[in-house]
N, C-alpha and C. Protein backbone atom coordinates (compact mmCIF):
# COMPACT_ATOMS: atom_id res chain seq x y z
N MET A 1 91.71 98.51 92.34
CA MET A 1 90.85 99.59 92.79
C MET A 1 89.55 99.00 93.30
N ASN A 2 89.13 99.46 94.46
CA ASN A 2 87.85 98.99 94.96
C ASN A 2 86.74 99.87 94.40
N LEU A 3 85.51 99.56 94.75
CA LEU A 3 84.36 100.27 94.19
C LEU A 3 84.39 101.76 94.54
N PHE A 4 84.76 102.10 95.77
CA PHE A 4 84.82 103.50 96.17
C PHE A 4 85.84 104.28 95.34
N ASP A 5 87.00 103.68 95.09
CA ASP A 5 88.02 104.32 94.26
C ASP A 5 87.49 104.60 92.86
N LYS A 6 86.77 103.62 92.31
CA LYS A 6 86.23 103.80 90.96
C LYS A 6 85.15 104.87 90.92
N ILE A 7 84.30 104.90 91.97
CA ILE A 7 83.25 105.91 92.03
C ILE A 7 83.87 107.31 92.11
N CYS A 8 84.96 107.45 92.83
CA CYS A 8 85.63 108.74 92.94
C CYS A 8 86.41 109.08 91.67
N ALA A 9 86.96 108.08 91.01
CA ALA A 9 87.79 108.32 89.83
C ALA A 9 86.97 108.81 88.64
N VAL A 10 85.77 108.29 88.46
CA VAL A 10 84.97 108.64 87.29
C VAL A 10 84.65 110.14 87.25
N PRO A 11 84.10 110.75 88.32
CA PRO A 11 83.85 112.19 88.23
C PRO A 11 85.15 113.01 88.18
N THR A 12 86.21 112.50 88.76
CA THR A 12 87.47 113.23 88.71
C THR A 12 88.02 113.25 87.30
N ILE A 13 87.89 112.14 86.57
CA ILE A 13 88.32 112.11 85.18
C ILE A 13 87.46 113.08 84.36
N ALA A 14 86.16 113.11 84.63
CA ALA A 14 85.28 114.05 83.92
C ALA A 14 85.67 115.50 84.22
N LEU A 15 85.94 115.80 85.48
CA LEU A 15 86.36 117.15 85.85
C LEU A 15 87.69 117.49 85.19
N GLY A 16 88.59 116.52 85.13
CA GLY A 16 89.86 116.74 84.45
C GLY A 16 89.67 117.03 82.98
N ALA A 17 88.71 116.36 82.34
CA ALA A 17 88.43 116.61 80.93
C ALA A 17 87.91 118.03 80.73
N VAL A 18 87.09 118.51 81.67
CA VAL A 18 86.60 119.90 81.59
C VAL A 18 87.77 120.86 81.71
N PHE A 19 88.66 120.60 82.65
CA PHE A 19 89.84 121.46 82.79
C PHE A 19 90.70 121.43 81.52
N MET A 20 90.83 120.26 80.91
CA MET A 20 91.61 120.16 79.68
C MET A 20 90.97 120.99 78.56
N PHE A 21 89.65 120.93 78.47
CA PHE A 21 88.95 121.73 77.46
C PHE A 21 89.14 123.22 77.72
N LEU A 22 88.95 123.62 78.99
CA LEU A 22 89.16 125.03 79.33
C LEU A 22 90.59 125.47 79.02
N GLY A 23 91.55 124.61 79.33
CA GLY A 23 92.94 124.96 79.10
C GLY A 23 93.28 125.07 77.62
N ALA A 24 92.69 124.18 76.81
CA ALA A 24 92.95 124.25 75.37
C ALA A 24 92.40 125.55 74.79
N LEU A 25 91.20 125.93 75.21
CA LEU A 25 90.64 127.21 74.76
C LEU A 25 91.39 128.38 75.38
N GLY A 26 91.75 128.24 76.64
CA GLY A 26 92.41 129.32 77.36
C GLY A 26 93.77 129.67 76.82
N LEU A 27 94.42 128.75 76.15
CA LEU A 27 95.72 129.03 75.56
C LEU A 27 95.61 130.15 74.53
N PHE A 28 94.50 130.19 73.81
CA PHE A 28 94.35 131.16 72.73
C PHE A 28 93.48 132.36 73.10
N ILE A 29 92.41 132.13 73.86
CA ILE A 29 91.48 133.23 74.13
C ILE A 29 91.37 133.57 75.61
N GLY A 30 92.16 132.92 76.45
CA GLY A 30 92.03 133.14 77.89
C GLY A 30 90.85 132.34 78.41
N CYS A 31 90.62 132.38 79.69
CA CYS A 31 89.49 131.66 80.24
C CYS A 31 88.92 132.42 81.42
N ASN A 32 87.64 132.17 81.70
CA ASN A 32 86.95 132.83 82.79
C ASN A 32 85.95 131.84 83.37
N ALA A 33 86.31 131.20 84.46
CA ALA A 33 85.43 130.24 85.12
C ALA A 33 85.56 130.46 86.62
N HIS A 34 85.00 131.54 87.12
CA HIS A 34 85.16 132.01 88.50
C HIS A 34 86.62 132.36 88.79
N PHE A 35 87.41 132.42 87.76
CA PHE A 35 88.77 132.95 87.82
C PHE A 35 89.10 133.42 86.41
N ALA A 36 89.95 134.38 86.29
CA ALA A 36 90.29 134.92 84.98
C ALA A 36 91.79 134.79 84.75
N LEU A 37 92.14 134.27 83.60
CA LEU A 37 93.54 134.13 83.23
C LEU A 37 93.75 134.73 81.85
N PRO A 38 94.87 135.40 81.63
CA PRO A 38 95.15 135.94 80.29
C PRO A 38 95.41 134.80 79.30
N PRO A 39 95.43 135.10 78.00
CA PRO A 39 95.55 134.05 76.99
C PRO A 39 96.72 133.08 77.18
N ILE A 40 97.89 133.51 77.51
CA ILE A 40 99.02 132.58 77.64
C ILE A 40 98.87 131.70 78.88
N LEU A 41 98.48 132.29 80.01
CA LEU A 41 98.31 131.52 81.23
C LEU A 41 97.01 130.73 81.25
N GLY A 42 96.17 130.94 80.25
CA GLY A 42 94.90 130.21 80.18
C GLY A 42 95.08 128.72 79.97
N CYS A 43 96.29 128.27 79.66
CA CYS A 43 96.52 126.84 79.47
C CYS A 43 96.77 126.13 80.79
N LEU A 44 96.87 126.83 81.90
CA LEU A 44 97.09 126.19 83.21
C LEU A 44 96.00 125.18 83.57
N PRO A 45 94.72 125.48 83.33
CA PRO A 45 93.71 124.45 83.62
C PRO A 45 93.93 123.16 82.83
N PHE A 46 94.48 123.28 81.62
CA PHE A 46 94.76 122.08 80.83
C PHE A 46 95.78 121.20 81.55
N ILE A 47 96.79 121.81 82.13
CA ILE A 47 97.82 121.05 82.83
C ILE A 47 97.22 120.32 84.03
N PHE A 48 96.38 121.01 84.79
CA PHE A 48 95.72 120.38 85.94
C PHE A 48 94.80 119.25 85.48
N GLY A 49 94.03 119.49 84.44
CA GLY A 49 93.12 118.47 83.91
C GLY A 49 93.88 117.27 83.37
N TRP A 50 94.98 117.53 82.67
CA TRP A 50 95.78 116.45 82.12
C TRP A 50 96.34 115.58 83.25
N ALA A 51 96.84 116.21 84.29
CA ALA A 51 97.39 115.46 85.42
C ALA A 51 96.31 114.61 86.09
N MET A 52 95.10 115.15 86.22
CA MET A 52 94.01 114.41 86.85
C MET A 52 93.61 113.21 86.00
N CYS A 53 93.40 113.44 84.71
CA CYS A 53 92.91 112.37 83.82
C CYS A 53 93.97 111.30 83.60
N ILE A 54 95.15 111.69 83.20
CA ILE A 54 96.17 110.71 82.86
C ILE A 54 96.60 109.91 84.08
N GLY A 55 96.77 110.58 85.20
CA GLY A 55 97.16 109.87 86.42
C GLY A 55 96.15 108.83 86.84
N LEU A 56 94.89 109.18 86.82
CA LEU A 56 93.85 108.23 87.22
C LEU A 56 93.68 107.10 86.22
N ILE A 57 93.75 107.42 84.93
CA ILE A 57 93.59 106.37 83.92
C ILE A 57 94.74 105.38 84.01
N LYS A 58 95.97 105.87 84.19
CA LYS A 58 97.11 104.96 84.31
C LYS A 58 96.99 104.11 85.57
N TYR A 59 96.54 104.70 86.68
CA TYR A 59 96.38 103.94 87.90
C TYR A 59 95.30 102.87 87.73
N TRP A 60 94.20 103.22 87.08
CA TRP A 60 93.10 102.28 86.86
C TRP A 60 93.61 101.08 86.05
N ARG A 61 94.37 101.36 84.98
CA ARG A 61 94.91 100.27 84.16
C ARG A 61 95.91 99.42 84.94
N LEU A 62 96.75 100.07 85.74
CA LEU A 62 97.73 99.33 86.54
C LEU A 62 97.03 98.43 87.55
N ALA A 63 95.99 98.95 88.19
CA ALA A 63 95.24 98.15 89.16
C ALA A 63 94.60 96.95 88.49
N ALA A 64 94.05 97.13 87.29
CA ALA A 64 93.46 96.01 86.56
C ALA A 64 94.52 94.99 86.16
N LYS A 65 95.69 95.47 85.76
CA LYS A 65 96.77 94.57 85.37
C LYS A 65 97.25 93.76 86.57
N LEU A 66 97.42 94.41 87.71
CA LEU A 66 97.86 93.71 88.91
C LEU A 66 96.83 92.70 89.38
N LYS A 67 95.55 93.05 89.24
CA LYS A 67 94.48 92.13 89.63
C LYS A 67 94.49 90.90 88.73
N ALA A 68 94.73 91.12 87.43
CA ALA A 68 94.79 89.99 86.50
C ALA A 68 95.98 89.10 86.78
N GLU A 69 97.12 89.69 87.12
CA GLU A 69 98.30 88.90 87.46
C GLU A 69 98.07 88.10 88.73
N LYS A 70 97.35 88.68 89.67
CA LYS A 70 97.06 87.99 90.92
C LYS A 70 96.19 86.75 90.67
N ARG A 71 95.29 86.86 89.69
CA ARG A 71 94.41 85.74 89.37
C ARG A 71 95.10 84.64 88.57
N SER A 72 96.24 84.96 87.97
CA SER A 72 96.90 83.99 87.11
C SER A 72 97.36 82.78 87.94
N ASN A 73 97.74 81.76 87.25
CA ASN A 73 98.13 80.52 87.92
C ASN A 73 99.62 80.48 88.24
N SER A 74 100.20 81.63 88.45
CA SER A 74 101.62 81.64 88.79
C SER A 74 101.82 81.08 90.19
N PRO A 75 103.00 80.52 90.44
CA PRO A 75 103.25 79.97 91.77
C PRO A 75 103.25 81.07 92.82
N PRO A 76 102.91 80.73 94.04
CA PRO A 76 102.91 81.74 95.10
C PRO A 76 104.29 82.35 95.29
N SER A 77 104.33 83.64 95.60
CA SER A 77 105.60 84.32 95.77
C SER A 77 106.24 83.99 97.12
N PHE A 78 105.46 83.54 98.08
CA PHE A 78 105.98 83.13 99.38
C PHE A 78 105.10 82.01 99.91
N PRO A 79 105.60 81.21 100.79
CA PRO A 79 104.79 80.09 101.29
C PRO A 79 103.49 80.59 101.92
N GLY A 80 102.41 80.05 101.48
CA GLY A 80 101.11 80.43 102.03
C GLY A 80 100.38 81.46 101.19
N ALA A 81 101.05 82.07 100.23
CA ALA A 81 100.38 83.07 99.40
C ALA A 81 99.37 82.37 98.50
N GLY A 82 98.22 82.94 98.38
CA GLY A 82 97.20 82.40 97.52
C GLY A 82 96.31 81.38 98.19
N TYR A 83 96.58 80.97 99.40
CA TYR A 83 95.72 80.03 100.10
C TYR A 83 94.66 80.80 100.86
N GLU A 84 93.47 80.24 100.89
CA GLU A 84 92.33 80.94 101.47
C GLU A 84 92.46 81.13 102.97
N SER A 85 93.05 80.17 103.63
CA SER A 85 93.09 80.28 105.08
C SER A 85 94.37 79.67 105.62
N THR A 86 94.68 80.03 106.82
CA THR A 86 95.86 79.50 107.49
C THR A 86 95.73 78.01 107.73
N GLU A 87 94.51 77.56 108.02
CA GLU A 87 94.30 76.13 108.26
C GLU A 87 94.69 75.31 107.04
N ARG A 88 94.33 75.78 105.87
CA ARG A 88 94.65 75.05 104.64
C ARG A 88 96.16 74.99 104.47
N PHE A 89 96.84 76.10 104.71
CA PHE A 89 98.29 76.12 104.59
C PHE A 89 98.94 75.18 105.60
N GLU A 90 98.44 75.20 106.83
CA GLU A 90 98.99 74.32 107.86
C GLU A 90 98.77 72.85 107.51
N SER A 91 97.62 72.53 106.93
CA SER A 91 97.37 71.14 106.55
C SER A 91 98.32 70.70 105.44
N LEU A 92 98.66 71.60 104.53
CA LEU A 92 99.62 71.26 103.48
C LEU A 92 101.01 71.03 104.06
N ILE A 93 101.39 71.83 105.03
CA ILE A 93 102.69 71.65 105.68
C ILE A 93 102.74 70.31 106.41
N ASN A 94 101.67 69.97 107.11
CA ASN A 94 101.61 68.70 107.83
C ASN A 94 101.65 67.52 106.88
N GLU A 95 101.02 67.64 105.70
CA GLU A 95 101.07 66.56 104.72
C GLU A 95 102.49 66.37 104.22
N GLU A 96 103.23 67.47 104.02
CA GLU A 96 104.60 67.36 103.53
C GLU A 96 105.50 66.71 104.57
N ARG A 97 105.27 66.99 105.83
CA ARG A 97 106.08 66.43 106.92
C ARG A 97 105.83 64.93 107.10
N ALA A 98 104.62 64.49 106.79
CA ALA A 98 104.25 63.08 107.01
C ALA A 98 104.81 62.17 105.94
């Protein structure tokens, strides 16, 4: 995740938490936040909030895991992967040929 993704994810997770709170209360007493839902349907905001929070948190963790794997010292998955520039890769190929 780049910086912009993280900046967008943080308020979205917070908004999702608000929806989860509204939905938890709405299950029993209904909810009224510029919309009105009866007690049973009051849990719908919880579902939306849960989807927002859990989806973003899992993506954030996956992105961090993939970034850590990329930094590891594993061999390149294809020739030239992990080299800073094409010139460096070409020089390695020329050294092998010589």
